[in-house]
Amino acid sequence: MRTASDPAIPQDAAPAPRRILTYRRLVFLAWFLTLDLIMFGAFVRLTDSGLGCPDWPGCYGHFSPLGASESIQQALQAMPYGPVSAFQAWIEMIHRYAGAFLGLLIIAFTVLAWRLRRQLSHSPALSTAILGLVCLQGAFGAWTVTHRLMPLVVTTHLVLGMSLLAAMTWLAAREKAHDPVPAPLASGRRWMALGLAVLFLQLALGGWVSTNYAALACMDFPTCHGAWVPAMDFQGGFTLLRGLGKQTSGDLISQDALTAIHWTHRNFALVVLALLGGLAWRWRRVPGLRGPARLLLALLALQLATGLTTIFFQWPLLIAVMHNGGAAGLVLVSVTLLWRLAQAGKPPSCKRPPGRLE
């Protein structure tokens, strides 16, 4: 009787299915952690903890805030109302630890993707690109600290995080079976790609609102300062190369500039609602699309509710984090729909045990 060690049998034939299962588990774990990190990153930003440790990668030169307690106390005495406390330092460092762990997970499944490139039904190119993207995201995380929360750097960090989630969702979607999508709907992927591009533009605008602390620039709705088109300074609001809360001249950013930032994000949301909502409504009963399409409708409603709630209740932390999480959910579902539309008319490429699919 021959065994797996017999030269006539490929050495990696027996363990290949186990390694593929390990690869898929690592992919889904990294995807889940990416989503968690985006929400936790919003918590870091909204609790003003981005400079809880003003150096990088450590905290006041130490591996953790435990060794930096004396330095934190000195900083707190020097800036009693600044972004300095042991609590904020821990929030910032936990975010960094989780980001480092995500990087290790991505390295692990990228190595497996290359080793299993003959057994898997797709190229390891996307896994490799994700590894490069997470390295770039880590660099912007460091620059967020060293550039003292410069709005352009922080907004780019946010958009890169959403891009990483989009790439991870595409990678995970390839490993999950779903009902086949009718071939005539293949043309819908162009509309979904447009919807995803519009969504990312809105995410960038939302990040610009958050990093410039313009969420409460308009306290009424649907008008802003009692007018449909209030006084606004678009040049001051959308000048990219400037410090936090400042104009290029060094003066404080004006209320009209903050109003322009808020008003643009608020009104562009109508474009996103119309486009993504229309597509989701059209596909809500289509086999293979109905699950994510209905979830997209629910998330759009959630985003509208949390966006309005932040105005009426003056930016409560929980609702603000939920609003950021809803944005991540929109990316996740939109990419899932785009993937499935790209597979319209094709046989399933990923086999799973029989069961209920969506």
Protein backbone atom coordinates (compact mmCIF):
# COMPACT_ATOMS: atom_id res chain seq x y z
CA MET A 1 0.00 0.00 0.00
CA ARG A 2 1.32 3.42 -0.91
CA THR A 3 1.45 6.27 1.58
CA ALA A 4 1.60 10.05 1.20
CA SER A 5 5.38 9.80 1.54
CA ASP A 6 5.64 7.47 -1.51
CA PRO A 7 7.56 9.23 -4.31
CA ALA A 8 4.79 8.26 -6.76
CA ILE A 9 2.36 10.51 -4.88
CA PRO A 10 2.97 14.30 -4.76
CA GLN A 11 4.31 15.24 -1.35
CA ASP A 12 1.78 18.04 -0.88
CA ALA A 13 -1.28 16.18 -2.21
CA ALA A 14 -2.65 15.12 1.17
CA PRO A 15 -2.16 18.35 3.15
CA ALA A 16 -3.27 20.68 0.30
CA PRO A 17 -6.99 20.75 1.31
CA ARG A 18 -6.00 21.55 4.90
CA ARG A 19 -3.73 24.36 3.75
CA ILE A 20 -6.50 25.75 1.54
CA LEU A 21 -8.85 25.69 4.53
CA THR A 22 -6.18 27.47 6.61
CA TYR A 23 -5.77 30.06 3.84
CA ARG A 24 -9.51 30.74 3.76
CA ARG A 25 -9.71 31.03 7.53
CA LEU A 26 -6.85 33.52 7.56
CA VAL A 27 -8.52 35.55 4.80
CA PHE A 28 -11.84 35.76 6.66
CA LEU A 29 -10.13 36.54 9.97
CA ALA A 30 -8.11 39.35 8.36
CA TRP A 31 -11.24 40.67 6.64
CA PHE A 32 -13.12 40.75 9.96
CA LEU A 33 -10.19 42.43 11.73
CA THR A 34 -9.96 45.05 8.97
CA LEU A 35 -13.60 45.98 9.54
CA ASP A 36 -13.02 46.12 13.31
CA LEU A 37 -9.92 48.29 12.87
CA ILE A 38 -11.82 50.81 10.76
CA MET A 39 -14.45 51.17 13.47
CA PHE A 40 -11.83 51.33 16.20
CA GLY A 41 -9.89 53.88 14.15
CA ALA A 42 -13.04 56.04 14.17
CA PHE A 43 -13.15 55.64 17.95
CA VAL A 44 -9.50 56.77 18.15
CA ARG A 45 -10.24 59.84 16.05
CA LEU A 46 -13.51 60.75 17.76
CA THR A 47 -12.03 60.48 21.26
CA ASP A 48 -9.11 62.75 20.22
CA SER A 49 -6.68 59.91 20.91
CA GLY A 50 -4.69 60.24 17.69
CA LEU A 51 -1.91 61.98 19.62
CA GLY A 52 -2.38 59.97 22.82
CA CYS A 53 1.15 58.76 22.07
CA PRO A 54 2.88 61.60 20.20
CA ASP A 55 5.69 59.40 18.82
CA TRP A 56 5.71 56.28 16.63
CA PRO A 57 5.83 53.28 16.80
CA GLY A 58 6.17 53.39 20.58
CA CYS A 59 4.58 55.54 23.25
CA TYR A 60 6.93 58.17 24.70
CA GLY A 61 9.78 55.86 23.70
CA HIS A 62 8.24 52.77 25.36
CA PHE A 63 6.56 49.67 23.95
CA SER A 64 3.34 50.37 25.85
CA PRO A 65 1.78 53.13 28.00
CA LEU A 66 2.70 51.09 31.10
CA GLY A 67 6.33 52.16 30.79
CA ALA A 68 5.36 55.69 29.79
CA SER A 69 3.16 56.54 32.80
CA GLU A 70 5.59 59.15 34.15
CA SER A 71 5.92 60.86 30.74
CA ILE A 72 2.13 60.83 30.32
CA GLN A 73 1.67 62.50 33.71
CA GLN A 74 4.20 65.19 32.82
CA ALA A 75 2.48 65.83 29.49
CA LEU A 76 -0.90 65.98 31.22
CA GLN A 77 0.38 68.59 33.65
CA ALA A 78 1.82 70.64 30.79
CA MET A 79 -1.42 70.37 28.71
CA PRO A 80 -4.36 69.70 31.06
CA TYR A 81 -6.85 70.11 28.22
CA GLY A 82 -4.77 68.52 25.49
CA PRO A 83 -5.08 65.05 23.87
CA VAL A 84 -3.04 63.45 26.64
CA SER A 85 -4.15 60.85 29.18
CA ALA A 86 -3.38 57.23 30.00
CA PHE A 87 -6.79 56.27 28.58
CA GLN A 88 -6.10 57.99 25.26
CA ALA A 89 -2.60 56.51 25.12
CA TRP A 90 -4.02 53.00 25.53
CA ILE A 91 -6.64 53.62 22.84
CA GLU A 92 -3.96 54.72 20.40
CA MET A 93 -1.60 51.84 21.21
CA ILE A 94 -4.31 49.15 21.06
CA HIS A 95 -5.13 50.43 17.59
CA ARG A 96 -1.46 50.08 16.62
CA TYR A 97 -1.17 46.59 18.12
CA ALA A 98 -4.25 45.43 16.21
CA GLY A 99 -2.88 46.96 13.02
CA ALA A 100 0.40 45.08 13.48
CA PHE A 101 -1.49 41.81 14.04
CA LEU A 102 -3.49 42.44 10.86
CA GLY A 103 -0.22 42.92 8.98
CA LEU A 104 1.01 39.52 10.23
CA LEU A 105 -2.23 37.85 9.13
CA ILE A 106 -1.90 39.37 5.67
CA ILE A 107 1.71 38.22 5.39
CA ALA A 108 0.60 34.70 6.39
CA PHE A 109 -2.18 34.34 3.84
CA THR A 110 -0.08 35.98 1.12
CA VAL A 111 2.63 33.35 1.64
CA LEU A 112 -0.03 30.63 1.49
CA ALA A 113 -1.57 32.18 -1.64
CA TRP A 114 1.78 31.85 -3.41
CA ARG A 115 2.42 28.34 -2.11
CA LEU A 116 -1.07 27.20 -3.13
CA ARG A 117 -1.25 29.12 -6.40
CA ARG A 118 -1.73 25.86 -8.35
CA GLN A 119 -4.46 24.53 -6.04
CA LEU A 120 -6.40 27.79 -5.70
CA SER A 121 -8.58 28.89 -8.58
CA HIS A 122 -7.11 32.38 -8.74
CA SER A 123 -3.84 34.29 -8.84
CA PRO A 124 -1.99 35.42 -5.68
CA ALA A 125 -1.65 38.90 -7.21
CA LEU A 126 -4.49 40.39 -5.16
CA SER A 127 -3.08 39.03 -1.90
CA THR A 128 0.29 40.55 -2.78
CA ALA A 129 -1.34 43.90 -3.61
CA ILE A 130 -3.15 43.82 -0.25
CA LEU A 131 0.19 43.28 1.49
CA GLY A 132 1.56 46.38 -0.22
CA LEU A 133 -1.59 48.32 0.64
CA VAL A 134 -1.40 47.47 4.34
CA CYS A 135 2.25 48.60 4.39
CA LEU A 136 1.22 51.92 2.82
CA GLN A 137 -1.61 52.20 5.34
CA GLY A 138 0.87 51.66 8.17
CA ALA A 139 3.07 54.42 6.79
CA PHE A 140 0.16 56.86 6.75
CA GLY A 141 -0.69 55.79 10.30
CA ALA A 142 2.79 56.87 11.34
CA TRP A 143 2.54 60.13 9.36
CA THR A 144 -0.78 60.87 11.05
CA VAL A 145 1.16 61.17 14.30
CA THR A 146 4.33 62.81 12.99
CA HIS A 147 2.32 65.40 10.98
CA ARG A 148 0.16 66.21 14.03
CA LEU A 149 -3.20 65.10 12.60
CA MET A 150 -2.82 67.03 9.36
CA PRO A 151 -6.31 66.70 7.75
CA LEU A 152 -5.00 65.52 4.36
CA VAL A 153 -2.90 62.78 5.97
CA VAL A 154 -5.68 61.61 8.31
CA THR A 155 -8.27 61.61 5.51
CA THR A 156 -5.92 59.65 3.25
CA HIS A 157 -5.38 57.18 6.11
CA LEU A 158 -9.15 56.72 6.34
CA VAL A 159 -9.63 56.28 2.58
CA LEU A 160 -6.75 53.78 2.44
CA GLY A 161 -8.38 51.86 5.28
CA MET A 162 -11.63 51.68 3.31
CA SER A 163 -9.64 50.66 0.21
CA LEU A 164 -8.03 47.87 2.23
CA LEU A 165 -11.48 46.73 3.36
CA ALA A 166 -12.70 46.78 -0.26
CA ALA A 167 -9.74 44.65 -1.41
CA MET A 168 -10.18 42.26 1.52
CA THR A 169 -13.90 41.95 0.75
CA TRP A 170 -13.14 41.10 -2.88
CA LEU A 171 -10.62 38.50 -1.71
CA ALA A 172 -13.08 37.00 0.79
CA ALA A 173 -15.95 37.04 -1.74
CA ARG A 174 -13.91 34.75 -4.00
CA GLU A 175 -13.89 32.16 -1.22
CA LYS A 176 -17.64 32.20 -0.50
CA ALA A 177 -20.26 30.43 -2.60
CA HIS A 178 -23.47 32.19 -3.60
CA ASP A 179 -26.49 31.65 -5.83
CA PRO A 180 -25.65 32.15 -9.51
CA VAL A 181 -26.44 35.57 -10.94
CA PRO A 182 -28.34 35.65 -14.26
CA ALA A 183 -26.06 36.38 -17.22
CA PRO A 184 -28.06 39.41 -18.52
CA LEU A 185 -27.13 41.30 -15.34
CA ALA A 186 -23.42 41.29 -16.20
CA SER A 187 -23.80 44.80 -17.63
CA GLY A 188 -24.87 45.99 -14.16
CA ARG A 189 -21.28 45.83 -12.95
CA ARG A 190 -20.58 49.15 -14.70
CA TRP A 191 -23.30 50.84 -12.68
CA MET A 192 -22.08 49.18 -9.50
CA ALA A 193 -18.50 50.29 -10.22
CA LEU A 194 -19.80 53.84 -10.66
CA GLY A 195 -21.73 53.53 -7.40
CA LEU A 196 -18.60 52.36 -5.60
CA ALA A 197 -16.57 55.27 -7.02
CA VAL A 198 -19.25 57.75 -5.89
CA LEU A 199 -19.31 56.09 -2.47
CA PHE A 200 -15.54 56.51 -2.08
CA LEU A 201 -15.80 60.17 -3.00
CA GLN A 202 -18.41 60.57 -0.27
CA LEU A 203 -16.15 58.68 2.16
CA ALA A 204 -13.34 61.13 1.40
CA LEU A 205 -15.73 64.04 2.01
CA GLY A 206 -16.86 62.44 5.27
CA GLY A 207 -13.26 61.98 6.33
CA TRP A 208 -12.60 65.65 5.51
CA VAL A 209 -15.57 66.63 7.69
CA SER A 210 -14.30 64.52 10.58
CA THR A 211 -10.63 65.50 10.38
CA ASN A 212 -11.55 69.20 10.22
CA TYR A 213 -14.08 68.87 13.07
CA ALA A 214 -16.83 70.23 10.83
CA ALA A 215 -19.55 67.76 11.86
CA LEU A 216 -21.43 70.44 13.79
CA ALA A 217 -20.79 73.31 11.38
CA CYS A 218 -24.51 73.20 10.50
CA MET A 219 -26.81 72.57 13.45
CA ASP A 220 -30.11 72.65 11.55
CA PHE A 221 -31.64 70.42 8.85
CA PRO A 222 -32.54 70.41 5.99
CA THR A 223 -31.29 74.00 5.85
CA CYS A 224 -27.88 75.13 7.08
CA HIS A 225 -27.79 78.25 9.23
CA GLY A 226 -31.38 78.82 8.16
CA ALA A 227 -30.55 78.91 4.44
CA TRP A 228 -30.47 76.34 1.63
CA VAL A 229 -27.20 77.86 0.40
CA PRO A 230 -25.49 79.55 3.36
CA ALA A 231 -22.38 81.72 3.28
CA MET A 232 -19.45 79.41 2.50
CA ASP A 233 -15.72 79.58 1.81
CA PHE A 234 -14.94 76.62 -0.47
CA GLN A 235 -11.36 77.72 -1.14
CA GLY A 236 -10.55 77.84 2.56
CA GLY A 237 -12.47 74.67 3.31
CA PHE A 238 -10.92 72.54 0.60
CA THR A 239 -7.32 73.76 0.67
CA LEU A 240 -5.52 70.46 1.15
CA LEU A 241 -2.01 71.37 2.27
CA ARG A 242 -2.57 72.99 5.65
CA GLY A 243 -2.42 72.10 9.31
CA LEU A 244 -5.28 71.07 11.57
CA GLY A 245 -7.68 73.96 12.21
CA LYS A 246 -5.55 76.42 10.26
CA GLN A 247 -5.51 78.17 6.93
CA THR A 248 -2.39 78.32 4.78
CA SER A 249 -1.74 81.79 6.20
CA GLY A 250 -1.56 80.32 9.69
CA ASP A 251 -4.84 81.91 10.80
CA LEU A 252 -7.61 79.79 12.27
CA ILE A 253 -9.96 78.24 9.73
CA SER A 254 -13.15 80.24 9.37
CA GLN A 255 -16.69 79.18 10.16
CA ASP A 256 -17.63 79.73 6.50
CA ALA A 257 -14.92 77.25 5.47
CA LEU A 258 -16.21 74.66 7.94
CA THR A 259 -19.73 75.25 6.67
CA ALA A 260 -18.58 74.60 3.09
CA ILE A 261 -17.06 71.26 4.15
CA HIS A 262 -20.17 70.14 6.01
CA TRP A 263 -22.64 71.38 3.37
CA THR A 264 -20.80 69.58 0.55
CA HIS A 265 -20.73 66.25 2.41
CA ARG A 266 -24.39 66.58 3.41
CA ASN A 267 -25.65 67.31 -0.09
CA PHE A 268 -23.43 64.82 -1.93
CA ALA A 269 -25.01 62.16 0.31
CA LEU A 270 -28.18 62.64 -1.76
CA VAL A 271 -26.29 61.50 -4.86
CA VAL A 272 -25.07 58.38 -3.04
CA LEU A 273 -28.55 57.60 -1.71
CA ALA A 274 -30.13 58.00 -5.14
CA LEU A 275 -27.55 55.94 -7.04
CA LEU A 276 -26.88 53.09 -4.60
CA GLY A 277 -30.46 53.03 -3.36
CA GLY A 278 -31.79 52.77 -6.92
CA LEU A 279 -29.43 49.91 -7.78
CA ALA A 280 -30.21 48.03 -4.57
CA TRP A 281 -33.96 48.46 -5.11
CA ARG A 282 -33.62 47.11 -8.64
CA TRP A 283 -31.70 44.02 -7.52
CA ARG A 284 -33.49 43.30 -4.24
CA ARG A 285 -35.26 40.23 -5.68
CA VAL A 286 -32.58 38.94 -8.05
CA PRO A 287 -31.10 35.50 -7.18
CA GLY A 288 -27.52 35.87 -6.01
CA LEU A 289 -27.96 39.61 -5.38
CA ARG A 290 -31.01 39.89 -3.14
CA GLY A 291 -29.13 39.36 0.15
CA PRO A 292 -26.50 42.09 -0.28
CA ALA A 293 -28.97 44.36 -2.13
CA ARG A 294 -31.40 44.32 0.79
CA LEU A 295 -28.55 44.84 3.23
CA LEU A 296 -27.40 47.82 1.15
CA LEU A 297 -30.87 49.38 1.46
CA ALA A 298 -30.81 48.85 5.23
CA LEU A 299 -27.33 50.37 5.57
CA LEU A 300 -28.30 53.41 3.51
CA ALA A 301 -31.26 53.96 5.85
CA LEU A 302 -28.94 53.54 8.84
CA GLN A 303 -26.47 56.06 7.44
CA LEU A 304 -29.24 58.58 6.90
CA ALA A 305 -30.52 58.06 10.45
CA THR A 306 -27.11 58.26 12.14
CA GLY A 307 -26.09 61.25 10.01
CA LEU A 308 -29.17 63.19 11.08
CA THR A 309 -28.80 62.04 14.69
CA THR A 310 -25.26 63.43 14.90
CA ILE A 311 -26.70 66.86 14.05
CA PHE A 312 -29.74 66.78 16.31
CA PHE A 313 -27.88 65.27 19.30
CA GLN A 314 -24.62 67.17 18.71
CA TRP A 315 -22.26 64.37 17.70
CA PRO A 316 -22.68 61.66 20.39
CA LEU A 317 -19.72 59.26 20.35
CA LEU A 318 -21.68 56.02 19.90
CA ILE A 319 -23.72 57.39 16.99
CA ALA A 320 -20.60 58.86 15.37
CA VAL A 321 -18.82 55.49 15.54
CA MET A 322 -21.93 53.80 14.13
CA HIS A 323 -21.92 56.29 11.26
CA ASN A 324 -18.32 55.35 10.44
CA GLY A 325 -19.17 51.66 10.78
CA GLY A 326 -22.13 52.11 8.45
CA ALA A 327 -19.81 53.65 5.86
CA ALA A 328 -17.56 50.60 6.11
CA GLY A 329 -20.61 48.39 5.74
CA LEU A 330 -21.58 50.21 2.55
CA VAL A 331 -18.12 49.52 1.11
CA LEU A 332 -18.34 45.86 2.10
CA VAL A 333 -21.77 45.31 0.54
CA SER A 334 -21.03 47.36 -2.59
CA VAL A 335 -17.86 45.37 -3.31
CA THR A 336 -19.76 42.11 -2.72
CA LEU A 337 -22.39 43.17 -5.27
CA LEU A 338 -19.68 44.19 -7.74
CA TRP A 339 -17.96 40.80 -7.37
CA ARG A 340 -21.19 38.88 -7.89
CA LEU A 341 -22.14 40.95 -10.93
CA ALA A 342 -18.68 40.26 -12.35
CA GLN A 343 -19.49 36.53 -12.01
CA ALA A 344 -22.90 36.82 -13.71
CA GLY A 345 -23.52 33.88 -16.02
CA LYS A 346 -20.41 32.01 -14.83
CA PRO A 347 -20.46 28.70 -12.94
CA PRO A 348 -19.58 28.97 -9.23
CA SER A 349 -15.80 28.98 -8.75
CA CYS A 350 -15.91 28.12 -5.04
CA LYS A 351 -17.58 24.92 -3.89
CA ARG A 352 -19.17 24.58 -0.49
CA PRO A 353 -21.31 22.00 1.28
CA PRO A 354 -24.99 22.22 0.26
CA GLY A 355 -27.02 24.74 2.20
CA ARG A 356 -28.87 28.00 1.91
CA LEU A 357 -27.01 30.52 -0.24
CA GLU A 358 -27.63 34.18 -0.96
